[in-house]
Protein backbone atom coordinates (compact mmCIF):
# COMPACT_ATOMS: atom_id res chain seq x y z
CA MET A 1 12.59 -26.58 6.95
CA LYS A 2 10.31 -26.37 9.99
CA LEU A 3 8.74 -23.03 11.41
CA THR A 4 6.65 -21.69 14.33
CA LEU A 5 4.19 -19.10 13.13
CA LYS A 6 2.85 -16.64 14.96
CA VAL A 7 -0.49 -15.33 13.25
CA TRP A 8 -2.64 -12.61 13.99
CA ARG A 9 -6.45 -14.26 14.35
CA GLN A 10 -9.27 -12.67 15.09
CA LYS A 11 -13.09 -12.74 13.99
CA ASN A 12 -14.23 -9.05 13.09
CA ALA A 13 -13.60 -5.72 13.62
CA LYS A 14 -14.53 -5.80 17.12
CA ASP A 15 -13.05 -9.42 18.44
CA LYS A 16 -9.43 -8.82 20.23
CA GLY A 17 -7.59 -11.03 18.65
CA ARG A 18 -4.38 -12.72 19.56
CA LEU A 19 -1.16 -14.34 17.96
CA GLU A 20 -1.57 -18.31 17.78
CA THR A 21 1.05 -20.64 17.06
CA TYR A 22 1.71 -23.01 14.06
CA GLN A 23 4.16 -25.89 13.25
CA VAL A 24 4.21 -25.48 9.66
CA GLU A 25 6.97 -27.12 7.93
CA ALA A 26 8.38 -25.34 4.23
CA THR A 27 10.42 -25.74 1.28
CA GLU A 28 12.84 -22.99 0.61
CA HIS A 29 11.13 -23.57 -2.79
CA MET A 30 7.84 -21.88 -1.75
CA SER A 31 6.90 -18.27 -2.19
CA PHE A 32 5.11 -16.99 1.15
CA LEU A 33 1.63 -17.21 1.08
CA GLU A 34 1.76 -20.75 -0.69
CA MET A 35 3.26 -21.28 2.58
CA LEU A 36 0.54 -20.09 4.01
CA ASP A 37 -1.15 -22.00 2.28
CA VAL A 38 0.50 -25.25 3.23
CA LEU A 39 -0.53 -24.11 6.55
CA ASN A 40 -4.11 -23.89 5.22
CA GLU A 41 -5.29 -27.48 3.86
CA GLN A 42 -3.06 -28.35 7.87
CA LEU A 43 -5.50 -26.57 9.40
CA ILE A 44 -8.34 -27.75 6.94
CA SER A 45 -7.75 -31.37 7.64
CA GLN A 46 -7.13 -30.90 11.35
CA LYS A 47 -11.52 -29.48 10.56
CA GLN A 48 -9.80 -25.56 12.47
CA GLU A 49 -10.56 -22.55 10.56
CA PRO A 50 -7.67 -21.68 8.28
CA VAL A 51 -6.03 -18.59 7.97
CA SER A 52 -7.88 -15.27 5.93
CA PHE A 53 -4.97 -13.33 4.24
CA GLU A 54 -5.54 -11.67 0.43
CA HIS A 55 -3.77 -12.28 -2.10
CA ASP A 56 -4.88 -12.13 -6.04
CA CYS A 57 -1.90 -11.99 -8.78
CA ARG A 58 1.37 -13.15 -6.60
CA GLU A 59 3.04 -11.30 -8.91
CA GLY A 60 3.70 -8.00 -6.78
CA ILE A 61 1.29 -6.26 -8.60
CA CYS A 62 -2.46 -6.21 -7.54
CA GLY A 63 -0.42 -4.68 -3.29
CA THR A 64 -3.48 -6.69 -1.35
CA CYS A 65 -1.11 -9.89 -0.13
CA ASN A 66 -0.08 -6.60 2.73
CA MET A 67 0.54 -7.83 6.29
CA VAL A 68 2.82 -7.30 8.15
CA ILE A 69 6.19 -9.84 8.69
CA ASN A 70 8.35 -9.68 12.38
CA GLY A 71 7.75 -6.27 11.99
CA GLN A 72 8.06 -5.36 8.84
CA PRO A 73 5.34 -4.61 6.02
CA HIS A 74 5.77 -7.22 2.87
CA GLY A 75 8.77 -8.74 5.26
CA PRO A 76 12.22 -8.07 5.35
CA TRP A 77 13.24 -8.07 1.25
CA LYS A 78 13.64 -4.83 -0.24
CA GLY A 79 11.22 -3.67 -3.27
CA THR A 80 9.40 -6.64 -3.09
CA THR A 81 6.17 -7.31 -2.21
CA VAL A 82 4.84 -10.77 0.24
CA CYS A 83 3.73 -12.49 -2.93
CA GLN A 84 7.78 -11.99 -3.80
CA LEU A 85 9.26 -13.04 -0.16
CA HIS A 86 10.42 -17.13 -1.03
CA MET A 87 11.24 -19.09 1.82
CA ARG A 88 14.93 -19.39 1.38
CA GLU A 89 15.32 -15.59 3.19
CA TYR A 90 14.26 -18.60 6.42
CA LYS A 91 15.80 -21.97 7.78
CA ASP A 92 14.66 -24.57 9.73
CA GLY A 93 13.80 -23.59 13.22
CA ASP A 94 13.07 -20.49 13.18
CA THR A 95 9.81 -18.53 14.09
CA ILE A 96 7.78 -16.20 12.29
CA ILE A 97 6.02 -13.04 12.84
CA ILE A 98 2.80 -12.03 10.75
CA GLU A 99 -0.23 -9.57 12.05
CA PRO A 100 -1.83 -7.13 9.58
CA ILE A 101 -1.50 -3.48 9.18
CA ARG A 102 -2.24 -1.58 11.82
CA ALA A 103 -3.86 1.63 11.61
CA ARG A 104 -7.09 3.37 12.68
CA ALA A 105 -8.43 3.51 9.26
CA PHE A 106 -7.97 0.33 8.09
CA PRO A 107 -10.51 -1.42 10.42
CA ILE A 108 -9.32 -5.46 10.22
CA VAL A 109 -12.10 -7.68 9.00
CA LYS A 110 -10.72 -10.73 9.75
CA ASP A 111 -7.35 -12.02 10.96
CA LEU A 112 -4.86 -11.05 8.45
CA VAL A 113 -7.04 -8.99 6.31
CA VAL A 114 -7.97 -5.13 6.43
CA ASP A 115 -10.64 -3.06 5.15
CA ARG A 116 -8.93 -0.23 2.59
CA SER A 117 -11.04 0.95 1.40
CA ALA A 118 -9.71 5.12 2.04
CA PHE A 119 -7.61 4.54 -0.26
CA ASP A 120 -10.38 3.87 -2.29
CA ARG A 121 -12.77 6.82 -1.32
CA ILE A 122 -9.63 9.48 -1.43
CA ILE A 123 -8.85 8.60 -4.60
CA GLN A 124 -12.58 9.00 -5.74
CA ALA A 125 -12.44 12.26 -4.00
CA GLY A 126 -9.82 13.07 -6.85
CA GLY A 127 -11.86 13.19 -9.44
CA TYR A 128 -11.69 13.18 -13.03
CA ILE A 129 -8.75 14.61 -15.90
CA SER A 130 -10.02 16.37 -18.78
CA VAL A 131 -8.95 14.89 -21.78
CA ASN A 132 -10.70 14.85 -25.02
CA THR A 133 -11.98 11.93 -25.69
CA GLY A 134 -12.47 10.05 -29.25
CA GLN A 135 -10.67 8.12 -31.37
CA ALA A 136 -6.78 7.73 -29.50
CA GLN A 137 -4.37 10.52 -30.09
CA ASP A 138 -0.66 9.81 -31.48
CA ALA A 139 2.31 8.83 -28.88
CA ASN A 140 3.82 12.79 -29.53
CA ALA A 141 0.90 14.65 -29.89
CA THR A 142 1.61 16.28 -26.63
CA PRO A 143 5.21 16.54 -25.94
CA ILE A 144 6.16 15.31 -22.76
CA GLU A 145 10.15 15.85 -21.16
CA LYS A 146 11.15 12.39 -20.77
CA ASP A 147 12.29 13.48 -17.30
CA VAL A 148 8.92 14.86 -16.57
CA ALA A 149 7.25 11.91 -18.09
CA SER A 150 9.66 9.11 -15.30
CA GLU A 151 8.85 10.73 -12.47
CA ALA A 152 5.54 10.78 -13.24
CA PHE A 153 5.66 7.33 -14.97
CA ASP A 154 7.63 5.80 -11.58
CA ALA A 155 5.01 7.48 -8.86
CA ALA A 156 2.01 6.36 -10.78
CA ALA A 157 3.90 2.58 -9.64
CA CYS A 158 2.34 3.06 -6.72
CA ILE A 159 -0.38 -0.42 -5.67
CA GLY A 160 -1.75 0.95 -3.15
CA CYS A 161 -0.91 -1.86 -0.67
CA GLY A 162 -0.59 0.54 2.92
CA ALA A 163 2.97 -1.10 3.42
CA CYS A 164 3.71 3.25 4.25
CA VAL A 165 0.81 3.01 6.36
CA ALA A 166 1.66 0.37 7.95
CA ALA A 167 5.60 1.35 8.44
CA CYS A 168 4.75 5.16 9.63
CA PRO A 169 5.10 5.43 13.35
CA ASN A 170 1.87 8.48 12.74
CA ALA A 171 -0.26 5.88 10.18
CA SER A 172 0.40 8.16 7.82
CA ALA A 173 -1.14 7.72 3.94
CA MET A 174 0.73 11.16 2.50
CA LEU A 175 3.58 8.73 0.61
CA PHE A 176 -0.18 7.29 -1.31
CA VAL A 177 -1.56 10.30 -1.73
CA SER A 178 2.22 12.20 -3.19
CA ALA A 179 1.78 8.98 -5.78
CA LYS A 180 -1.80 9.52 -7.05
CA VAL A 181 -1.25 14.06 -7.23
CA SER A 182 2.07 13.80 -8.44
CA HIS A 183 1.15 11.30 -11.19
CA LEU A 184 -1.89 13.47 -12.31
CA ALA A 185 0.87 16.57 -11.20
CA LEU A 186 3.33 15.89 -13.53
CA LEU A 187 1.66 15.52 -16.80
CA PRO A 188 -0.01 17.98 -18.80
CA GLN A 189 -3.34 15.82 -18.83
CA GLY A 190 -3.45 16.48 -15.48
CA LYS A 191 -2.91 20.35 -14.98
CA VAL A 192 -6.39 21.53 -15.33
CA GLU A 193 -7.80 20.12 -12.06
CA HIS A 194 -4.33 19.98 -10.51
CA ASN A 195 -5.10 23.13 -7.53
CA ARG A 196 -8.88 20.94 -6.92
CA ARG A 197 -7.62 17.94 -6.96
CA VAL A 198 -4.94 17.79 -4.43
CA GLN A 199 -6.62 19.91 -1.89
CA ALA A 200 -9.52 17.59 -2.03
CA MET A 201 -8.16 14.09 -1.87
CA VAL A 202 -5.60 15.50 1.42
CA LYS A 203 -9.35 16.83 2.75
CA GLN A 204 -10.32 13.06 2.20
CA MET A 205 -6.65 11.59 3.93
CA ASP A 206 -7.53 13.53 6.26
CA ALA A 207 -10.96 13.01 7.19
CA GLU A 208 -9.93 8.94 7.29
CA GLY A 209 -8.10 9.18 10.17
CA PHE A 210 -4.78 8.84 8.50
CA GLY A 211 -1.94 10.52 10.73
CA MET A 212 0.45 13.49 9.54
CA CYS A 213 3.60 12.77 8.45
CA SER A 214 6.96 13.31 10.79
CA ASN A 215 9.63 12.98 8.08
CA VAL A 216 10.23 9.28 9.92
CA THR A 217 10.79 8.19 5.97
CA ALA A 218 10.26 4.69 6.75
CA CYS A 219 7.62 4.68 3.96
CA GLU A 220 9.67 4.69 1.65
CA ALA A 221 12.23 2.05 2.67
CA GLU A 222 9.09 -0.13 3.42
CA CYS A 223 7.19 0.84 -0.11
CA PRO A 224 7.64 -2.68 -2.40
CA LYS A 225 7.51 -0.16 -5.03
CA GLU A 226 10.39 2.20 -3.66
CA ILE A 227 7.74 5.54 -4.06
CA SER A 228 10.04 8.44 -3.34
CA VAL A 229 9.41 10.86 -0.13
CA ASN A 230 10.09 13.76 -3.08
CA ASN A 231 6.84 13.34 -3.83
CA ILE A 232 5.44 14.58 -0.24
CA ALA A 233 7.56 17.32 -0.66
CA ARG A 234 6.28 18.03 -4.29
CA MET A 235 2.58 17.59 -2.63
CA ASN A 236 2.88 19.85 0.10
CA ARG A 237 4.04 22.46 -2.98
CA GLU A 238 0.62 21.86 -4.53
CA TYR A 239 -1.49 22.51 -1.97
CA PHE A 240 -0.30 25.43 -0.49
CA THR A 241 0.38 27.01 -4.03
CA SER A 242 -3.60 25.70 -4.88
CA VAL A 243 -4.91 27.39 -1.04
CA ILE A 244 -2.90 30.13 -1.43
CA ALA A 245 -4.52 30.05 -5.07
CA SER A 246 -7.52 29.55 -3.70
CA GLU A 247 -7.88 32.32 -1.20
CA THR A 248 -6.64 35.37 -3.74
CA SER A 249 -9.69 34.23 -6.35
CA VAL A 250 -11.85 35.11 -4.21
């Protein structure tokens, strides 16, 4: 199939950037990233600068293939990352617009590559958990209800790709932060520091320049791991409870 690609090209964060148009041939059996590989091979053969984009596992695990395709983070398939998107979604003659995530907290490094280290700093602000070290304990040493464990596991599935930020009209990181807060807050191992943790992570989120949540829920709709917005409600409860506890203890 012959496709028209309109790809965002930008040398660095200070460059104005623009969409450039390319023609490429692909097959329905290719993944989206393989199609971009074909484009780059074509550009290199023509002595042109290849398109910079991030990828690693190409199995929907790492979250680095974060780009916006025709206005949708990770493309049109629900619950999948760009690397899991295949060209059978498209037909001969289609035009595909490929852009990076747009957020003040995610400055563009080059072309489709953005700096998501703001997420790393939020996680670092959360700090540690107090657990005993040494020989591994038996799996049932700390009993946890099945429903609670399942909720914690669902929250822990977040891969930090940034799709929630890209989907939100306010560029909010609430879904990401709430997932990271929830998966520890739900488990007994994370209870000890949960008051300090939630306040520190929310404070860091605000410092990074992310917007506020306005309950659009586009984040949940576009999340490749389908993280629930229920985590945002849980984080808000954790935050307000911790603030009240901090004030009453003074």
